Each structure stands twice: as structure tokens, then as C-alpha cells.
Amino acid sequence: MAGRVAPFPFVYGAGFRRTSIGLLGVLLFAASCALSPTAMGDGTGSGISNASGSYLLTPVGTNNYTLHAYLADLGLPILRGDTLIFSWRANNGSGPPIYFEIHSHPITGGYFKYYNTTATSVSNGTWTSQTTDRYMVYWVNLSNTTRVNLTYSFVLLPAQPDVWPLYVVPAVIVLVAIAGAAAHVRARRRPPPWADISGKDSKETQTAGQAPAARDQK
């Protein structure tokens, strides 16, 4: 004896809502990945430059008691916004103290000093350029009797570009996608023509549900 088929409870739009929620989750995940900051690598190909070397500073008044060099000649051409990290030692840090400065000689003429110190060593000093110019480093042995073995190292970090378009464009795409999905959700919430607004089945649906019962009574 065949059992009576119970009407299946149909909730209109439920499947689509689950799909929409999943779609929004995927979009938000993609947006978070797109907006996550990326790390810049070190070494070759990253834009980071470095230079190191040594120089013997002789006593004051002799031919080589100063070292005066363009950073570009050391392989460090500095542009606006670049940051220079510098370290140096006089006789491995034991001294005597020497003078150090960073300055520029613009093409138009003049002399502009940006950083200076007198010490036996400097470790990981930093300086950021405000303009693109012909920058130089300058050391002076202040001792009249002692030679100074100067060792130095530089790391040049390029200025970071403006990245706001990389953040705005993905955000706009996600917002447009969310607005489109929300519009579809609102459209799908409207009942179809054959659905009874009161929550009851239409006459055709009721007839289809009662047909098996009529056959069972024969």
C-alpha cells in the first residue's frame, strides 16, 4: 500500500540566500588578501642598494686626512624620499673621534649640510632625503698624530610609492559586487506569481498534493 506523500515544505529563496552569503564571504576574503600589505624583499631585485669599504685617514695636515665622496659614486644615487642607513667605525671603534657629515652640492651652486656628528663610531644611523640632489659624505680625521682606519657601510632604501590606488580599486570592486548581490537578494525575496501571499499553496499545488490521496482511496 502506497503511503501518502507529504507536501514538501518549500522556503522560497533559501538556497539563493545561502549562495549569496557564501559569495559575499569569498569576496570579503579576496578583499582582505588584496588589501593586505606586502613585504619588500631584501637583496638583488628589491631596489635596496648597499655599499661598504674602508679608507685610511692620515693625521691632520697631510694629504689624506679627509674622505669626501659622492654617494652616487659609491653606487647609491639618492632620490627624494630615499632613506640612507649608515654605520662606520674609526679604528674599529677605539678612536680617536672623527668628524662625519652628509651634505649636498646642488648644480645651481651652494653647500647644504643635513647631518653631522663627531664620534668614534656610528651604528645604524638613518637619514631621509627631502629632495633629489647630489649628496656627499665627508669624514675628517681630527687627530694630529694618529692614523685612522675608517670602515663604513651603507644601505639605501628606496622611497615607497603611493599605494592608495592599490587599496581603493579592490575596495570599489568589492563594494560594487556586494551591492549587486544585495540587489539580487531583494529581487529573489519577491514571491513568484504562483505563490500564495498568505502562505498557503495555490489551487494547482493543492490539487497536485491531493491527487495521490484520491488514488489511494480506490
Protein backbone atom coordinates (compact mmCIF):
# COMPACT_ATOMS: atom_id res chain seq x y z
CA MET A 1 0.00 0.00 0.00
CA ALA A 2 1.49 3.25 -1.07
CA GLY A 3 1.88 5.90 1.58
CA ARG A 4 0.57 9.32 1.20
CA VAL A 5 3.14 11.80 0.01
CA ALA A 6 3.51 14.66 2.45
CA PRO A 7 3.85 18.07 0.89
CA PHE A 8 7.43 19.27 0.85
CA PRO A 9 7.94 22.48 2.86
CA PHE A 10 9.42 24.90 0.34
CA VAL A 11 11.06 28.06 1.60
CA TYR A 12 11.46 30.31 -1.40
CA GLY A 13 14.86 31.95 -1.79
CA ALA A 14 16.62 29.98 0.99
CA GLY A 15 19.08 28.29 -1.33
CA PHE A 16 19.87 31.54 -3.06
CA ARG A 17 20.46 33.27 0.28
CA ARG A 18 22.96 30.60 1.29
CA THR A 19 24.71 31.02 -2.05
CA SER A 20 24.74 34.81 -1.65
CA ILE A 21 26.22 34.57 1.84
CA GLY A 22 28.93 32.25 0.56
CA LEU A 23 29.63 34.60 -2.34
CA LEU A 24 29.94 37.57 -0.01
CA GLY A 25 32.32 35.58 2.20
CA VAL A 26 34.53 34.78 -0.76
CA LEU A 27 34.51 38.43 -1.87
CA LEU A 28 35.44 39.66 1.60
CA PHE A 29 38.26 37.12 1.83
CA ALA A 30 39.58 38.21 -1.56
CA ALA A 31 39.38 41.85 -0.48
CA SER A 32 41.32 41.16 2.71
CA CYS A 33 44.03 39.44 0.67
CA ALA A 34 44.14 42.31 -1.80
CA LEU A 35 44.35 44.94 0.93
CA SER A 36 46.97 43.14 3.00
CA PRO A 37 50.30 44.92 2.94
CA THR A 38 53.07 43.14 1.11
CA ALA A 39 56.62 42.86 2.35
CA MET A 40 59.50 44.05 0.24
CA GLY A 41 62.32 41.59 -0.15
CA ASP A 42 65.93 42.30 0.60
CA GLY A 43 68.83 41.88 -1.79
CA THR A 44 69.03 41.78 -5.54
CA GLY A 45 65.92 42.89 -7.38
CA SER A 46 64.25 44.53 -4.38
CA GLY A 47 65.53 48.05 -5.12
CA ILE A 48 67.68 48.08 -1.98
CA SER A 49 71.30 49.08 -2.58
CA ASN A 50 74.30 48.73 -0.32
CA ALA A 51 77.94 49.71 -0.29
CA SER A 52 80.84 49.18 2.08
CA GLY A 53 84.57 49.81 2.19
CA SER A 54 87.50 51.19 4.15
CA TYR A 55 89.86 54.15 3.93
CA LEU A 56 92.98 55.20 5.79
CA LEU A 57 92.70 58.72 7.18
CA THR A 58 96.12 60.21 7.85
CA PRO A 59 96.80 62.88 10.53
CA VAL A 60 95.55 66.42 10.12
CA GLY A 61 97.50 68.48 7.61
CA THR A 62 98.55 65.53 5.45
CA ASN A 63 97.18 64.65 2.02
CA ASN A 64 94.57 62.06 3.02
CA TYR A 65 93.19 63.27 6.35
CA THR A 66 89.69 63.65 4.81
CA LEU A 67 87.41 61.47 2.71
CA HIS A 68 84.92 63.35 0.54
CA ALA A 69 82.76 61.22 -1.81
CA TYR A 70 79.56 61.45 -3.80
CA LEU A 71 77.10 58.78 -2.70
CA ALA A 72 76.26 58.20 -6.37
CA ASP A 73 79.91 57.27 -6.96
CA LEU A 74 79.52 54.65 -4.23
CA GLY A 75 76.61 53.15 -6.15
CA LEU A 76 73.98 54.94 -4.05
CA PRO A 77 72.17 57.55 -6.16
CA ILE A 78 69.69 59.15 -3.76
CA LEU A 79 66.29 60.38 -4.87
CA ARG A 80 63.60 62.24 -2.99
CA GLY A 81 62.22 60.19 -0.10
CA ASP A 82 65.04 57.62 -0.08
CA THR A 83 66.42 56.60 3.32
CA LEU A 84 70.11 56.05 3.94
CA ILE A 85 71.21 53.74 6.77
CA PHE A 86 74.87 54.22 7.65
CA SER A 87 77.40 52.72 10.01
CA TRP A 88 81.11 53.43 10.39
CA ARG A 89 84.00 52.94 12.81
CA ALA A 90 87.26 54.70 13.48
CA ASN A 91 89.95 52.10 14.27
CA ASN A 92 87.23 49.52 14.97
CA GLY A 93 85.53 51.94 17.37
CA SER A 94 88.54 52.67 19.55
CA GLY A 95 89.07 56.14 18.07
CA PRO A 96 90.21 58.82 18.13
CA PRO A 97 86.93 60.62 17.30
CA ILE A 98 86.47 61.79 13.73
CA TYR A 99 84.05 64.19 12.11
CA PHE A 100 81.29 62.99 9.74
CA GLU A 101 78.60 64.77 7.78
CA ILE A 102 76.11 64.37 4.92
CA HIS A 103 75.72 67.38 2.61
CA SER A 104 74.94 68.32 -0.98
CA HIS A 105 76.39 70.48 -3.71
CA PRO A 106 73.46 71.44 -5.99
CA ILE A 107 74.12 72.03 -9.66
CA THR A 108 72.98 75.62 -9.17
CA GLY A 109 75.75 76.09 -6.61
CA GLY A 110 75.98 76.26 -2.86
CA TYR A 111 76.52 73.86 0.02
CA PHE A 112 73.80 72.40 2.26
CA LYS A 113 74.52 70.31 5.35
CA TYR A 114 71.89 67.79 6.53
CA TYR A 115 73.60 65.67 9.15
CA ASN A 116 76.82 65.82 11.16
CA THR A 117 78.43 64.24 14.21
CA THR A 118 81.80 63.70 15.86
CA ALA A 119 82.32 60.20 17.27
CA THR A 120 84.46 57.09 17.26
CA SER A 121 81.67 55.10 15.60
CA VAL A 122 78.09 55.30 14.40
CA SER A 123 75.80 52.29 14.21
CA ASN A 124 72.69 52.22 12.02
CA GLY A 125 72.25 55.95 11.71
CA THR A 126 69.40 57.00 9.41
CA TRP A 127 68.74 59.97 7.19
CA THR A 128 65.92 60.57 4.67
CA SER A 129 66.36 62.89 1.72
CA GLN A 130 63.76 65.57 1.12
CA THR A 131 64.81 66.31 -2.46
CA THR A 132 66.75 64.69 -5.29
CA ASP A 133 70.24 66.13 -5.25
CA ARG A 134 73.96 65.41 -5.48
CA TYR A 135 74.58 64.16 -1.94
CA MET A 136 78.02 63.54 -0.45
CA VAL A 137 79.54 62.01 2.68
CA TYR A 138 82.52 63.60 4.39
CA TRP A 139 84.89 62.34 7.11
CA VAL A 140 87.73 64.29 8.76
CA ASN A 141 90.48 62.95 10.99
CA LEU A 142 90.78 65.40 13.86
CA SER A 143 94.00 63.95 15.26
CA ASN A 144 97.37 65.48 14.52
CA THR A 145 99.27 62.28 15.27
CA THR A 146 97.07 59.21 14.84
CA ARG A 147 96.08 57.46 11.65
CA VAL A 148 92.52 56.24 11.50
CA ASN A 149 91.41 53.11 9.68
CA LEU A 150 87.89 54.09 8.64
CA THR A 151 85.43 51.27 7.83
CA TYR A 152 81.94 52.11 6.60
CA SER A 153 78.77 50.52 5.26
CA PHE A 154 75.63 51.99 3.72
CA VAL A 155 72.17 50.63 2.90
CA LEU A 156 69.88 52.69 0.68
CA LEU A 157 66.12 52.08 0.99
CA PRO A 158 64.12 53.49 -1.93
CA ALA A 159 61.10 55.65 -1.22
CA GLN A 160 57.80 53.76 -1.11
CA PRO A 161 55.44 54.69 -3.96
CA ASP A 162 51.93 55.95 -3.38
CA VAL A 163 49.91 52.76 -2.98
CA TRP A 164 46.46 54.25 -2.37
CA PRO A 165 45.17 53.21 -5.85
CA LEU A 166 46.04 49.60 -4.97
CA TYR A 167 43.76 49.88 -1.95
CA VAL A 168 40.93 51.90 -3.47
CA VAL A 169 40.38 49.88 -6.66
CA PRO A 170 39.84 46.48 -4.94
CA ALA A 171 37.63 48.13 -2.34
CA VAL A 172 35.43 49.70 -5.04
CA ILE A 173 35.16 46.36 -6.86
CA VAL A 174 34.09 44.61 -3.66
CA LEU A 175 31.53 47.30 -2.82
CA VAL A 176 30.01 47.07 -6.30
CA ALA A 177 29.84 43.27 -6.03
CA ILE A 178 28.19 43.47 -2.61
CA ALA A 179 25.64 46.00 -3.88
CA GLY A 180 24.84 43.73 -6.83
CA ALA A 181 24.45 40.68 -4.60
CA ALA A 182 22.18 42.62 -2.24
CA ALA A 183 20.02 43.71 -5.17
CA HIS A 184 19.65 40.08 -6.27
CA VAL A 185 18.72 39.04 -2.74
CA ARG A 186 15.98 41.69 -2.59
CA ALA A 187 14.69 40.64 -6.00
CA ARG A 188 14.58 36.96 -5.03
CA ARG A 189 12.60 37.72 -1.88
CA ARG A 190 9.60 38.65 -4.01
CA PRO A 191 7.18 35.68 -4.26
CA PRO A 192 6.57 34.17 -7.71
CA PRO A 193 3.19 34.61 -9.42
CA TRP A 194 2.02 31.11 -8.44
CA ALA A 195 2.80 31.55 -4.73
CA ASP A 196 0.03 32.44 -2.28
CA ILE A 197 0.96 35.54 -0.34
CA SER A 198 -0.95 34.23 2.72
CA GLY A 199 1.48 31.32 2.94
CA LYS A 200 -0.93 28.67 1.52
CA ASP A 201 -0.38 26.76 -1.67
CA SER A 202 -2.17 27.77 -4.85
CA LYS A 203 -5.12 25.76 -6.17
CA GLU A 204 -2.89 23.97 -8.66
CA THR A 205 -0.42 22.99 -5.92
CA GLN A 206 -3.22 21.80 -3.61
CA THR A 207 -4.74 19.71 -6.39
CA ALA A 208 -1.38 18.14 -7.13
CA GLY A 209 -0.90 17.32 -3.44
CA GLN A 210 -4.38 15.75 -3.13
CA ALA A 211 -4.18 13.63 -6.27
CA PRO A 212 -2.22 10.72 -4.69
CA ALA A 213 -4.70 10.60 -1.79
CA ALA A 214 -7.58 10.20 -4.22
CA ARG A 215 -5.85 7.25 -5.90
CA ASP A 216 -5.22 5.60 -2.52
CA GLN A 217 -8.98 5.62 -1.71
CA LYS A 218 -9.87 3.47 -4.73
